[in-house]
Amino acid sequence: MKKGWSIPSDGFVKCNVGSSWINGRRQCGESWILRDPPGTAILQSRRAYSFIGSKEEADLYALLWAIDSMRNLRKHDVIFESSSIEMREVLLFASPFGKSLCNNREVTKT
């Protein structure tokens, strides 16, 4: 598995998404950063959520928030990236929600 940031394909920007979940408090912090092909930061944001039940839930909230942010900012041709193994597993295998998100044409157009 390749580690580290890699440049997006020509004509695309990359949105790196991350979250941090605190089990005992059921809180999480989330952030995203949008970079152009040379790696220059274009935009970034962060926020917090309460009453989050798991790391997987925190990761999915982070991804959905990042997608929504890109849509609201009218950003197109965005590649979303996360180092979260949990997010990958949920999106690909574990959840009807994840499968529907991956198959959602609106998400893929963002």
N, C-alpha and C. Protein backbone atom coordinates (compact mmCIF):
# COMPACT_ATOMS: atom_id res chain seq x y z
N MET A 1 0.84 -1.18 0.00
CA MET A 1 0.00 0.00 0.00
C MET A 1 0.89 1.24 0.00
N LYS A 2 0.59 2.16 -0.90
CA LYS A 2 1.36 3.39 -1.00
C LYS A 2 0.99 4.33 0.13
N LYS A 3 2.00 4.94 0.75
CA LYS A 3 1.75 5.89 1.83
C LYS A 3 2.18 7.28 1.39
N GLY A 4 1.56 8.27 2.01
CA GLY A 4 1.89 9.65 1.69
C GLY A 4 0.92 10.23 0.67
N TRP A 5 1.00 11.53 0.52
CA TRP A 5 0.10 12.23 -0.39
C TRP A 5 0.58 12.05 -1.82
N SER A 6 -0.37 11.81 -2.71
CA SER A 6 -0.04 11.71 -4.13
C SER A 6 -0.85 12.74 -4.89
N ILE A 7 -0.29 13.22 -5.98
CA ILE A 7 -0.96 14.27 -6.74
C ILE A 7 -2.21 13.71 -7.43
N PRO A 8 -3.24 14.55 -7.57
CA PRO A 8 -4.44 14.10 -8.30
C PRO A 8 -4.17 14.07 -9.80
N SER A 9 -5.00 13.37 -10.51
CA SER A 9 -4.92 13.31 -11.96
C SER A 9 -5.13 14.70 -12.56
N ASP A 10 -4.67 14.90 -13.79
CA ASP A 10 -4.85 16.18 -14.47
C ASP A 10 -6.31 16.59 -14.48
N GLY A 11 -6.55 17.86 -14.20
CA GLY A 11 -7.90 18.39 -14.22
C GLY A 11 -8.68 18.17 -12.93
N PHE A 12 -8.07 17.51 -11.94
CA PHE A 12 -8.74 17.23 -10.67
C PHE A 12 -8.05 17.95 -9.52
N VAL A 13 -8.79 18.12 -8.44
CA VAL A 13 -8.23 18.55 -7.16
C VAL A 13 -8.47 17.41 -6.18
N LYS A 14 -7.76 17.41 -5.07
CA LYS A 14 -7.90 16.32 -4.09
C LYS A 14 -8.32 16.88 -2.75
N CYS A 15 -9.33 16.22 -2.17
CA CYS A 15 -9.83 16.59 -0.84
C CYS A 15 -9.47 15.46 0.12
N ASN A 16 -8.53 15.74 1.02
CA ASN A 16 -8.16 14.77 2.05
C ASN A 16 -9.07 14.97 3.25
N VAL A 17 -9.64 13.87 3.73
CA VAL A 17 -10.64 13.90 4.80
C VAL A 17 -10.10 13.12 6.00
N GLY A 18 -10.30 13.67 7.20
CA GLY A 18 -9.86 12.96 8.40
C GLY A 18 -10.82 13.17 9.55
N SER A 19 -10.77 12.23 10.50
CA SER A 19 -11.59 12.37 11.71
C SER A 19 -10.84 11.78 12.89
N SER A 20 -11.23 12.24 14.07
CA SER A 20 -10.69 11.72 15.32
C SER A 20 -11.87 11.51 16.26
N TRP A 21 -12.03 10.28 16.74
CA TRP A 21 -13.19 9.93 17.57
C TRP A 21 -12.73 9.59 18.98
N ILE A 22 -13.44 10.13 19.98
CA ILE A 22 -13.14 9.86 21.39
C ILE A 22 -14.28 9.02 21.95
N ASN A 23 -14.03 7.73 22.18
CA ASN A 23 -15.05 6.78 22.59
C ASN A 23 -15.76 7.19 23.88
N GLY A 24 -15.02 7.47 24.93
CA GLY A 24 -15.62 7.76 26.22
C GLY A 24 -16.56 8.96 26.21
N ARG A 25 -16.31 9.90 25.32
CA ARG A 25 -17.12 11.11 25.27
C ARG A 25 -18.11 11.13 24.12
N ARG A 26 -17.98 10.16 23.18
CA ARG A 26 -18.83 10.10 22.00
C ARG A 26 -18.77 11.39 21.19
N GLN A 27 -17.57 11.95 21.12
CA GLN A 27 -17.35 13.16 20.34
C GLN A 27 -16.31 12.89 19.27
N CYS A 28 -16.35 13.70 18.21
CA CYS A 28 -15.31 13.57 17.19
C CYS A 28 -15.00 14.93 16.60
N GLY A 29 -13.80 15.04 16.11
CA GLY A 29 -13.37 16.20 15.36
C GLY A 29 -13.10 15.75 13.93
N GLU A 30 -13.41 16.60 12.98
CA GLU A 30 -13.25 16.24 11.58
C GLU A 30 -12.65 17.41 10.82
N SER A 31 -11.94 17.09 9.76
CA SER A 31 -11.36 18.14 8.93
C SER A 31 -11.23 17.65 7.50
N TRP A 32 -11.12 18.62 6.61
CA TRP A 32 -10.78 18.33 5.22
C TRP A 32 -9.88 19.45 4.71
N ILE A 33 -9.06 19.10 3.73
CA ILE A 33 -8.21 20.09 3.07
C ILE A 33 -8.25 19.80 1.57
N LEU A 34 -8.45 20.83 0.79
CA LEU A 34 -8.52 20.73 -0.67
C LEU A 34 -7.22 21.25 -1.25
N ARG A 35 -6.58 20.41 -2.09
CA ARG A 35 -5.28 20.78 -2.69
C ARG A 35 -5.34 20.66 -4.21
N ASP A 36 -4.57 21.54 -4.86
CA ASP A 36 -4.43 21.46 -6.31
C ASP A 36 -3.33 20.45 -6.66
N PRO A 37 -3.11 20.16 -7.96
CA PRO A 37 -2.11 19.14 -8.33
C PRO A 37 -0.71 19.37 -7.78
N PRO A 38 -0.20 20.60 -7.67
CA PRO A 38 1.12 20.76 -7.06
C PRO A 38 1.13 20.53 -5.54
N GLY A 39 -0.05 20.44 -4.94
CA GLY A 39 -0.13 20.21 -3.50
C GLY A 39 -0.40 21.45 -2.68
N THR A 40 -0.65 22.56 -3.33
CA THR A 40 -0.95 23.81 -2.63
C THR A 40 -2.36 23.74 -2.05
N ALA A 41 -2.47 24.11 -0.78
CA ALA A 41 -3.79 24.12 -0.14
C ALA A 41 -4.63 25.24 -0.74
N ILE A 42 -5.85 24.86 -1.15
CA ILE A 42 -6.80 25.83 -1.71
C ILE A 42 -7.78 26.27 -0.62
N LEU A 43 -8.36 25.30 0.07
CA LEU A 43 -9.33 25.54 1.14
C LEU A 43 -9.16 24.47 2.21
N GLN A 44 -9.61 24.77 3.41
CA GLN A 44 -9.64 23.77 4.48
C GLN A 44 -10.74 24.14 5.46
N SER A 45 -11.19 23.14 6.21
CA SER A 45 -12.19 23.39 7.23
C SER A 45 -12.13 22.29 8.28
N ARG A 46 -12.69 22.58 9.43
CA ARG A 46 -12.77 21.59 10.50
C ARG A 46 -14.04 21.84 11.29
N ARG A 47 -14.48 20.79 11.99
CA ARG A 47 -15.68 20.91 12.81
C ARG A 47 -15.71 19.79 13.82
N ALA A 48 -16.69 19.83 14.72
CA ALA A 48 -16.85 18.80 15.74
C ALA A 48 -18.29 18.32 15.75
N TYR A 49 -18.47 17.05 16.13
CA TYR A 49 -19.79 16.45 16.31
C TYR A 49 -19.86 15.83 17.69
N SER A 50 -21.07 15.75 18.23
CA SER A 50 -21.32 15.06 19.50
C SER A 50 -22.24 13.87 19.24
N PHE A 51 -22.26 12.95 20.20
CA PHE A 51 -23.14 11.78 20.17
C PHE A 51 -22.84 10.87 18.97
N ILE A 52 -21.57 10.69 18.67
CA ILE A 52 -21.14 9.80 17.60
C ILE A 52 -20.78 8.46 18.23
N GLY A 53 -21.39 7.39 17.74
CA GLY A 53 -21.29 6.10 18.40
C GLY A 53 -20.09 5.25 18.08
N SER A 54 -19.35 5.55 16.99
CA SER A 54 -18.23 4.68 16.62
C SER A 54 -17.27 5.44 15.71
N LYS A 55 -16.08 4.88 15.55
CA LYS A 55 -15.09 5.44 14.63
C LYS A 55 -15.63 5.41 13.20
N GLU A 56 -16.32 4.33 12.84
CA GLU A 56 -16.88 4.22 11.49
C GLU A 56 -17.90 5.33 11.22
N GLU A 57 -18.75 5.58 12.21
CA GLU A 57 -19.74 6.65 12.07
C GLU A 57 -19.05 8.01 11.93
N ALA A 58 -18.01 8.24 12.73
CA ALA A 58 -17.26 9.50 12.63
C ALA A 58 -16.66 9.67 11.24
N ASP A 59 -16.06 8.59 10.72
CA ASP A 59 -15.45 8.65 9.40
C ASP A 59 -16.48 8.94 8.31
N LEU A 60 -17.64 8.31 8.40
CA LEU A 60 -18.68 8.55 7.39
C LEU A 60 -19.24 9.96 7.48
N TYR A 61 -19.42 10.47 8.70
CA TYR A 61 -19.85 11.87 8.84
C TYR A 61 -18.82 12.80 8.20
N ALA A 62 -17.54 12.51 8.41
CA ALA A 62 -16.48 13.35 7.83
C ALA A 62 -16.56 13.35 6.31
N LEU A 63 -16.72 12.17 5.73
CA LEU A 63 -16.80 12.08 4.27
C LEU A 63 -18.03 12.79 3.74
N LEU A 64 -19.19 12.56 4.34
CA LEU A 64 -20.41 13.21 3.87
C LEU A 64 -20.32 14.73 4.00
N TRP A 65 -19.73 15.20 5.10
CA TRP A 65 -19.55 16.64 5.30
C TRP A 65 -18.62 17.21 4.24
N ALA A 66 -17.53 16.50 3.93
CA ALA A 66 -16.59 16.97 2.90
C ALA A 66 -17.27 17.02 1.53
N ILE A 67 -18.05 15.99 1.20
CA ILE A 67 -18.78 15.97 -0.08
C ILE A 67 -19.75 17.13 -0.13
N ASP A 68 -20.50 17.33 0.94
CA ASP A 68 -21.46 18.44 1.00
C ASP A 68 -20.74 19.79 0.88
N SER A 69 -19.60 19.91 1.53
CA SER A 69 -18.83 21.16 1.45
C SER A 69 -18.38 21.44 0.02
N MET A 70 -17.87 20.42 -0.67
CA MET A 70 -17.43 20.62 -2.06
C MET A 70 -18.59 21.02 -2.95
N ARG A 71 -19.73 20.39 -2.72
CA ARG A 71 -20.93 20.74 -3.50
C ARG A 71 -21.32 22.19 -3.22
N ASN A 72 -21.36 22.59 -1.94
CA ASN A 72 -21.74 23.96 -1.59
C ASN A 72 -20.74 24.99 -2.13
N LEU A 73 -19.48 24.61 -2.21
CA LEU A 73 -18.44 25.50 -2.72
C LEU A 73 -18.34 25.45 -4.25
N ARG A 74 -19.21 24.64 -4.88
CA ARG A 74 -19.25 24.48 -6.33
C ARG A 74 -17.92 23.99 -6.89
N LYS A 75 -17.31 23.07 -6.16
CA LYS A 75 -16.07 22.44 -6.62
C LYS A 75 -16.42 21.17 -7.38
N HIS A 76 -15.82 21.00 -8.52
CA HIS A 76 -16.07 19.85 -9.38
C HIS A 76 -14.77 19.10 -9.60
N ASP A 77 -14.88 17.88 -10.10
CA ASP A 77 -13.70 17.07 -10.39
C ASP A 77 -12.82 16.93 -9.16
N VAL A 78 -13.45 16.48 -8.08
CA VAL A 78 -12.78 16.33 -6.79
C VAL A 78 -12.54 14.84 -6.52
N ILE A 79 -11.33 14.51 -6.14
CA ILE A 79 -11.00 13.17 -5.66
C ILE A 79 -10.97 13.24 -4.14
N PHE A 80 -11.73 12.37 -3.49
CA PHE A 80 -11.75 12.32 -2.03
C PHE A 80 -10.82 11.20 -1.57
N GLU A 81 -10.02 11.52 -0.56
CA GLU A 81 -9.05 10.54 -0.06
C GLU A 81 -9.03 10.57 1.46
N SER A 82 -8.90 9.39 2.04
CA SER A 82 -8.79 9.25 3.49
C SER A 82 -7.87 8.07 3.78
N SER A 83 -7.18 8.14 4.89
CA SER A 83 -6.33 7.02 5.30
C SER A 83 -7.09 6.05 6.20
N SER A 84 -8.37 6.28 6.39
CA SER A 84 -9.18 5.47 7.31
C SER A 84 -9.50 4.09 6.73
N ILE A 85 -8.96 3.07 7.35
CA ILE A 85 -9.28 1.69 6.97
C ILE A 85 -10.75 1.41 7.27
N GLU A 86 -11.25 1.95 8.39
CA GLU A 86 -12.65 1.73 8.78
C GLU A 86 -13.61 2.27 7.72
N MET A 87 -13.32 3.46 7.20
CA MET A 87 -14.18 4.05 6.18
C MET A 87 -14.19 3.16 4.94
N ARG A 88 -13.04 2.71 4.53
CA ARG A 88 -12.96 1.85 3.35
C ARG A 88 -13.78 0.59 3.54
N GLU A 89 -13.64 -0.05 4.69
CA GLU A 89 -14.36 -1.29 4.95
C GLU A 89 -15.88 -1.06 4.94
N VAL A 90 -16.32 0.00 5.58
CA VAL A 90 -17.76 0.28 5.62
C VAL A 90 -18.29 0.58 4.23
N LEU A 91 -17.58 1.41 3.48
CA LEU A 91 -18.06 1.77 2.15
C LEU A 91 -18.08 0.59 1.19
N LEU A 92 -17.10 -0.28 1.28
CA LEU A 92 -17.01 -1.36 0.32
C LEU A 92 -17.76 -2.63 0.72
N PHE A 93 -17.83 -2.93 2.03
CA PHE A 93 -18.30 -4.25 2.41
C PHE A 93 -19.43 -4.30 3.43
N ALA A 94 -19.42 -3.44 4.43
CA ALA A 94 -20.21 -3.70 5.62
C ALA A 94 -21.61 -3.11 5.62
N SER A 95 -21.87 -2.12 4.84
CA SER A 95 -23.06 -1.33 5.09
C SER A 95 -23.90 -1.11 3.84
N PRO A 96 -25.21 -1.32 3.92
CA PRO A 96 -26.08 -0.93 2.80
C PRO A 96 -25.95 0.56 2.52
N PHE A 97 -25.76 1.37 3.59
CA PHE A 97 -25.56 2.80 3.43
C PHE A 97 -24.32 3.07 2.59
N GLY A 98 -23.22 2.39 2.91
CA GLY A 98 -21.98 2.57 2.17
C GLY A 98 -22.12 2.18 0.72
N LYS A 99 -22.78 1.07 0.46
CA LYS A 99 -22.97 0.62 -0.92
C LYS A 99 -23.82 1.62 -1.69
N SER A 100 -24.85 2.15 -1.06
CA SER A 100 -25.69 3.12 -1.76
C SER A 100 -24.94 4.42 -1.98
N LEU A 101 -24.06 4.80 -1.04
CA LEU A 101 -23.25 6.01 -1.22
C LEU A 101 -22.32 5.84 -2.41
N CYS A 102 -21.67 4.69 -2.52
CA CYS A 102 -20.75 4.44 -3.63
C CYS A 102 -21.47 4.41 -4.97
N ASN A 103 -22.73 4.00 -4.97
CA ASN A 103 -23.50 3.90 -6.21
C ASN A 103 -24.31 5.16 -6.51
N ASN A 104 -24.26 6.15 -5.63
CA ASN A 104 -25.05 7.36 -5.79
C ASN A 104 -24.43 8.23 -6.88
N ARG A 105 -25.16 8.46 -7.94
CA ARG A 105 -24.62 9.24 -9.07
C ARG A 105 -24.35 10.68 -8.68
N GLU A 106 -25.14 11.23 -7.76
CA GLU A 106 -24.89 12.60 -7.33
C GLU A 106 -23.54 12.73 -6.65
N VAL A 107 -23.17 11.74 -5.85
CA VAL A 107 -21.88 11.77 -5.16
C VAL A 107 -20.75 11.69 -6.18
N THR A 108 -20.87 10.83 -7.16
CA THR A 108 -19.80 10.67 -8.13
C THR A 108 -19.66 11.88 -9.04
N LYS A 109 -20.71 12.68 -9.16
CA LYS A 109 -20.63 13.89 -9.97
C LYS A 109 -19.98 15.04 -9.23
N THR A 110 -19.92 14.99 -7.91
CA THR A 110 -19.40 16.10 -7.12
C THR A 110 -17.92 16.27 -7.33
